[in-house]
Amino acid sequence: MTRKNLKKLEIRIVENTPIKKITYEEMKEYQEKHNKENWDIICEVMRKLSEM
C-alpha cells in the first residue's frame, strides 16, 4: 500500500466515524501515541473491509 493510499484510508476512517468526529491531526496523534503494530493491524482490517 502506497503512502498516498494510506492517507486516503486514514481520511476515510475519520469521515466514517459519526460517533465521535475526529480530525486528521487527532488521528495522527493517536497513531504516534499508540503502538505502530496496532496501527498496522487496524489498516489491514480496514483494507479488507473496503475490499468486501
PDB file of N, CA and C in Angstrom:
ATOM      1  N   MET A   1       0.849  -1.198   0.000  1.00  0.00           N
ATOM      2  CA  MET A   1       0.000   0.000   0.000  1.00  0.00           C
ATOM      3  C   MET A   1       0.885   1.250   0.000  1.00  0.00           C
ATOM      4  N   THR A   2       0.604   2.139  -0.905  1.00  0.00           N
ATOM      5  CA  THR A   2       1.425   3.344  -1.001  1.00  0.00           C
ATOM      6  C   THR A   2       1.059   4.348   0.077  1.00  0.00           C
ATOM      7  N   ARG A   3       1.923   5.307   0.277  1.00  0.00           N
ATOM      8  CA  ARG A   3       1.727   6.359   1.283  1.00  0.00           C
ATOM      9  C   ARG A   3       0.448   7.152   0.975  1.00  0.00           C
ATOM     10  N   LYS A   4       0.238   7.462  -0.297  1.00  0.00           N
ATOM     11  CA  LYS A   4      -0.933   8.234  -0.722  1.00  0.00           C
ATOM     12  C   LYS A   4      -2.233   7.500  -0.395  1.00  0.00           C
ATOM     13  N   ASN A   5      -2.257   6.212  -0.693  1.00  0.00           N
ATOM     14  CA  ASN A   5      -3.429   5.388  -0.393  1.00  0.00           C
ATOM     15  C   ASN A   5      -3.692   5.323   1.101  1.00  0.00           C
ATOM     16  N   LEU A   6      -2.619   5.229   1.879  1.00  0.00           N
ATOM     17  CA  LEU A   6      -2.744   5.175   3.331  1.00  0.00           C
ATOM     18  C   LEU A   6      -3.384   6.461   3.846  1.00  0.00           C
ATOM     19  N   LYS A   7      -2.964   7.584   3.284  1.00  0.00           N
ATOM     20  CA  LYS A   7      -3.533   8.876   3.669  1.00  0.00           C
ATOM     21  C   LYS A   7      -5.031   8.907   3.370  1.00  0.00           C
ATOM     22  N   LYS A   8      -5.417   8.420   2.203  1.00  0.00           N
ATOM     23  CA  LYS A   8      -6.839   8.342   1.830  1.00  0.00           C
ATOM     24  C   LYS A   8      -7.602   7.464   2.808  1.00  0.00           C
ATOM     25  N   LEU A   9      -6.998   6.341   3.168  1.00  0.00           N
ATOM     26  CA  LEU A   9      -7.617   5.405   4.105  1.00  0.00           C
ATOM     27  C   LEU A   9      -7.862   6.079   5.452  1.00  0.00           C
ATOM     28  N   GLU A  10      -6.838   6.779   5.946  1.00  0.00           N
ATOM     29  CA  GLU A  10      -6.961   7.489   7.225  1.00  0.00           C
ATOM     30  C   GLU A  10      -8.102   8.494   7.186  1.00  0.00           C
ATOM     31  N   ILE A  11      -8.153   9.250   6.111  1.00  0.00           N
ATOM     32  CA  ILE A  11      -9.191  10.266   5.966  1.00  0.00           C
ATOM     33  C   ILE A  11     -10.568   9.610   5.914  1.00  0.00           C
ATOM     34  N   ARG A  12     -10.666   8.495   5.212  1.00  0.00           N
ATOM     35  CA  ARG A  12     -11.941   7.786   5.119  1.00  0.00           C
ATOM     36  C   ARG A  12     -12.388   7.280   6.493  1.00  0.00           C
ATOM     37  N   ILE A  13     -11.459   6.764   7.267  1.00  0.00           N
ATOM     38  CA  ILE A  13     -11.772   6.306   8.625  1.00  0.00           C
ATOM     39  C   ILE A  13     -12.332   7.475   9.434  1.00  0.00           C
ATOM     40  N   VAL A  14     -11.682   8.616   9.341  1.00  0.00           N
ATOM     41  CA  VAL A  14     -12.116   9.812  10.062  1.00  0.00           C
ATOM     42  C   VAL A  14     -13.518  10.222   9.610  1.00  0.00           C
ATOM     43  N   GLU A  15     -13.736  10.250   8.301  1.00  0.00           N
ATOM     44  CA  GLU A  15     -15.032  10.664   7.756  1.00  0.00           C
ATOM     45  C   GLU A  15     -16.158   9.699   8.127  1.00  0.00           C
ATOM     46  N   ASN A  16     -15.815   8.444   8.262  1.00  0.00           N
ATOM     47  CA  ASN A  16     -16.829   7.430   8.567  1.00  0.00           C
ATOM     48  C   ASN A  16     -16.986   7.166  10.065  1.00  0.00           C
ATOM     49  N   THR A  17     -16.630   8.136  10.878  1.00  0.00           N
ATOM     50  CA  THR A  17     -16.766   7.985  12.324  1.00  0.00           C
ATOM     51  C   THR A  17     -17.801   8.975  12.839  1.00  0.00           C
ATOM     52  N   PRO A  18     -19.076   8.603  12.791  1.00  0.00           N
ATOM     53  CA  PRO A  18     -20.125   9.532  13.225  1.00  0.00           C
ATOM     54  C   PRO A  18     -20.234   9.645  14.744  1.00  0.00           C
ATOM     55  N   ILE A  19     -19.799   8.611  15.459  1.00  0.00           N
ATOM     56  CA  ILE A  19     -19.896   8.572  16.917  1.00  0.00           C
ATOM     57  C   ILE A  19     -19.120   9.752  17.518  1.00  0.00           C
ATOM     58  N   LYS A  20     -17.881   9.882  17.131  1.00  0.00           N
ATOM     59  CA  LYS A  20     -17.056  10.986  17.634  1.00  0.00           C
ATOM     60  C   LYS A  20     -16.257  11.530  16.459  1.00  0.00           C
ATOM     61  N   LYS A  21     -16.539  12.752  16.099  1.00  0.00           N
ATOM     62  CA  LYS A  21     -15.814  13.362  14.985  1.00  0.00           C
ATOM     63  C   LYS A  21     -14.362  13.594  15.403  1.00  0.00           C
ATOM     64  N   ILE A  22     -13.450  13.008  14.627  1.00  0.00           N
ATOM     65  CA  ILE A  22     -12.038  13.230  14.910  1.00  0.00           C
ATOM     66  C   ILE A  22     -11.361  13.832  13.697  1.00  0.00           C
ATOM     67  N   THR A  23     -10.480  14.751  13.940  1.00  0.00           N
ATOM     68  CA  THR A  23      -9.769  15.417  12.854  1.00  0.00           C
ATOM     69  C   THR A  23      -8.593  14.561  12.399  1.00  0.00           C
ATOM     70  N   TYR A  24      -8.049  14.920  11.261  1.00  0.00           N
ATOM     71  CA  TYR A  24      -6.884  14.228  10.723  1.00  0.00           C
ATOM     72  C   TYR A  24      -5.706  14.344  11.689  1.00  0.00           C
ATOM     73  N   GLU A  25      -5.573  15.521  12.327  1.00  0.00           N
ATOM     74  CA  GLU A  25      -4.481  15.745  13.279  1.00  0.00           C
ATOM     75  C   GLU A  25      -4.613  14.816  14.490  1.00  0.00           C
ATOM     76  N   GLU A  26      -5.834  14.676  14.969  1.00  0.00           N
ATOM     77  CA  GLU A  26      -6.075  13.777  16.101  1.00  0.00           C
ATOM     78  C   GLU A  26      -5.741  12.339  15.726  1.00  0.00           C
ATOM     79  N   MET A  27      -6.080  11.978  14.513  1.00  0.00           N
ATOM     80  CA  MET A  27      -5.775  10.647  14.015  1.00  0.00           C
ATOM     81  C   MET A  27      -4.261  10.423  14.007  1.00  0.00           C
ATOM     82  N   LYS A  28      -3.531  11.447  13.573  1.00  0.00           N
ATOM     83  CA  LYS A  28      -2.074  11.374  13.543  1.00  0.00           C
ATOM     84  C   LYS A  28      -1.508  11.233  14.957  1.00  0.00           C
ATOM     85  N   GLU A  29      -2.033  12.013  15.889  1.00  0.00           N
ATOM     86  CA  GLU A  29      -1.589  11.941  17.285  1.00  0.00           C
ATOM     87  C   GLU A  29      -1.844  10.547  17.847  1.00  0.00           C
ATOM     88  N   TYR A  30      -3.009  10.030  17.549  1.00  0.00           N
ATOM     89  CA  TYR A  30      -3.380   8.690  18.001  1.00  0.00           C
ATOM     90  C   TYR A  30      -2.359   7.669  17.497  1.00  0.00           C
ATOM     91  N   GLN A  31      -2.032   7.787  16.223  1.00  0.00           N
ATOM     92  CA  GLN A  31      -1.055   6.893  15.609  1.00  0.00           C
ATOM     93  C   GLN A  31       0.278   6.944  16.326  1.00  0.00           C
ATOM     94  N   GLU A  32       0.731   8.167  16.620  1.00  0.00           N
ATOM     95  CA  GLU A  32       2.038   8.339  17.247  1.00  0.00           C
ATOM     96  C   GLU A  32       2.037   7.820  18.680  1.00  0.00           C
ATOM     97  N   LYS A  33       0.927   8.033  19.377  1.00  0.00           N
ATOM     98  CA  LYS A  33       0.821   7.604  20.778  1.00  0.00           C
ATOM     99  C   LYS A  33       0.756   6.090  20.897  1.00  0.00           C
ATOM    100  N   HIS A  34       0.016   5.472  20.010  1.00  0.00           N
ATOM    101  CA  HIS A  34      -0.196   4.033  20.111  1.00  0.00           C
ATOM    102  C   HIS A  34       0.835   3.257  19.315  1.00  0.00           C
ATOM    103  N   ASN A  35       0.910   2.028  19.665  1.00  0.00           N
ATOM    104  CA  ASN A  35       1.844   1.100  19.062  1.00  0.00           C
ATOM    105  C   ASN A  35       1.664   1.027  17.545  1.00  0.00           C
ATOM    106  N   LYS A  36       2.775   1.125  16.839  1.00  0.00           N
ATOM    107  CA  LYS A  36       2.765   1.054  15.376  1.00  0.00           C
ATOM    108  C   LYS A  36       2.142  -0.258  14.896  1.00  0.00           C
ATOM    109  N   GLU A  37       2.428  -1.305  15.605  1.00  0.00           N
ATOM    110  CA  GLU A  37       1.912  -2.633  15.255  1.00  0.00           C
ATOM    111  C   GLU A  37       0.386  -2.638  15.262  1.00  0.00           C
ATOM    112  N   ASN A  38      -0.193  -2.051  16.307  1.00  0.00           N
ATOM    113  CA  ASN A  38      -1.650  -1.964  16.389  1.00  0.00           C
ATOM    114  C   ASN A  38      -2.207  -1.193  15.205  1.00  0.00           C
ATOM    115  N   TRP A  39      -1.533  -0.116  14.846  1.00  0.00           N
ATOM    116  CA  TRP A  39      -1.989   0.693  13.716  1.00  0.00           C
ATOM    117  C   TRP A  39      -1.968  -0.128  12.427  1.00  0.00           C
ATOM    118  N   ASP A  40      -0.927  -0.920  12.246  1.00  0.00           N
ATOM    119  CA  ASP A  40      -0.821  -1.783  11.063  1.00  0.00           C
ATOM    120  C   ASP A  40      -1.977  -2.778  11.010  1.00  0.00           C
ATOM    121  N   ILE A  41      -2.361  -3.298  12.163  1.00  0.00           N
ATOM    122  CA  ILE A  41      -3.492  -4.238  12.234  1.00  0.00           C
ATOM    123  C   ILE A  41      -4.777  -3.525  11.829  1.00  0.00           C
ATOM    124  N   ILE A  42      -4.977  -2.319  12.354  1.00  0.00           N
ATOM    125  CA  ILE A  42      -6.166  -1.526  12.012  1.00  0.00           C
ATOM    126  C   ILE A  42      -6.215  -1.286  10.500  1.00  0.00           C
ATOM    127  N   CYS A  43      -5.092  -0.898   9.929  1.00  0.00           N
ATOM    128  CA  CYS A  43      -5.014  -0.644   8.481  1.00  0.00           C
ATOM    129  C   CYS A  43      -5.371  -1.898   7.690  1.00  0.00           C
ATOM    130  N   GLU A  44      -4.846  -3.009   8.125  1.00  0.00           N
ATOM    131  CA  GLU A  44      -5.102  -4.284   7.451  1.00  0.00           C
ATOM    132  C   GLU A  44      -6.589  -4.623   7.496  1.00  0.00           C
ATOM    133  N   VAL A  45      -7.200  -4.453   8.655  1.00  0.00           N
ATOM    134  CA  VAL A  45      -8.635  -4.725   8.816  1.00  0.00           C
ATOM    135  C   VAL A  45      -9.449  -3.803   7.923  1.00  0.00           C
ATOM    136  N   MET A  46      -9.127  -2.508   7.941  1.00  0.00           N
ATOM    137  CA  MET A  46      -9.859  -1.535   7.128  1.00  0.00           C
ATOM    138  C   MET A  46      -9.719  -1.847   5.639  1.00  0.00           C
ATOM    139  N   ARG A  47      -8.520  -2.262   5.235  1.00  0.00           N
ATOM    140  CA  ARG A  47      -8.292  -2.603   3.832  1.00  0.00           C
ATOM    141  C   ARG A  47      -9.172  -3.796   3.444  1.00  0.00           C
ATOM    142  N   LYS A  48      -9.212  -4.799   4.276  1.00  0.00           N
ATOM    143  CA  LYS A  48     -10.044  -5.974   3.998  1.00  0.00           C
ATOM    144  C   LYS A  48     -11.520  -5.596   3.931  1.00  0.00           C
ATOM    145  N   LEU A  49     -11.950  -4.729   4.848  1.00  0.00           N
ATOM    146  CA  LEU A  49     -13.344  -4.278   4.855  1.00  0.00           C
ATOM    147  C   LEU A  49     -13.687  -3.514   3.579  1.00  0.00           C
ATOM    148  N   SER A  50     -12.769  -2.674   3.145  1.00  0.00           N
ATOM    149  CA  SER A  50     -13.034  -1.871   1.947  1.00  0.00           C
ATOM    150  C   SER A  50     -13.054  -2.721   0.676  1.00  0.00           C
ATOM    151  N   GLU A  51     -12.397  -3.871   0.722  1.00  0.00           N
ATOM    152  CA  GLU A  51     -12.392  -4.780  -0.435  1.00  0.00           C
ATOM    153  C   GLU A  51     -13.671  -5.613  -0.514  1.00  0.00           C
ATOM    154  N   MET A  52     -14.373  -5.737   0.583  1.00  0.00           N
ATOM    155  CA  MET A  52     -15.582  -6.560   0.626  1.00  0.00           C
ATOM    156  C   MET A  52     -16.747  -5.899  -0.097  1.00  0.00           C
TER     157      MET A  52
END
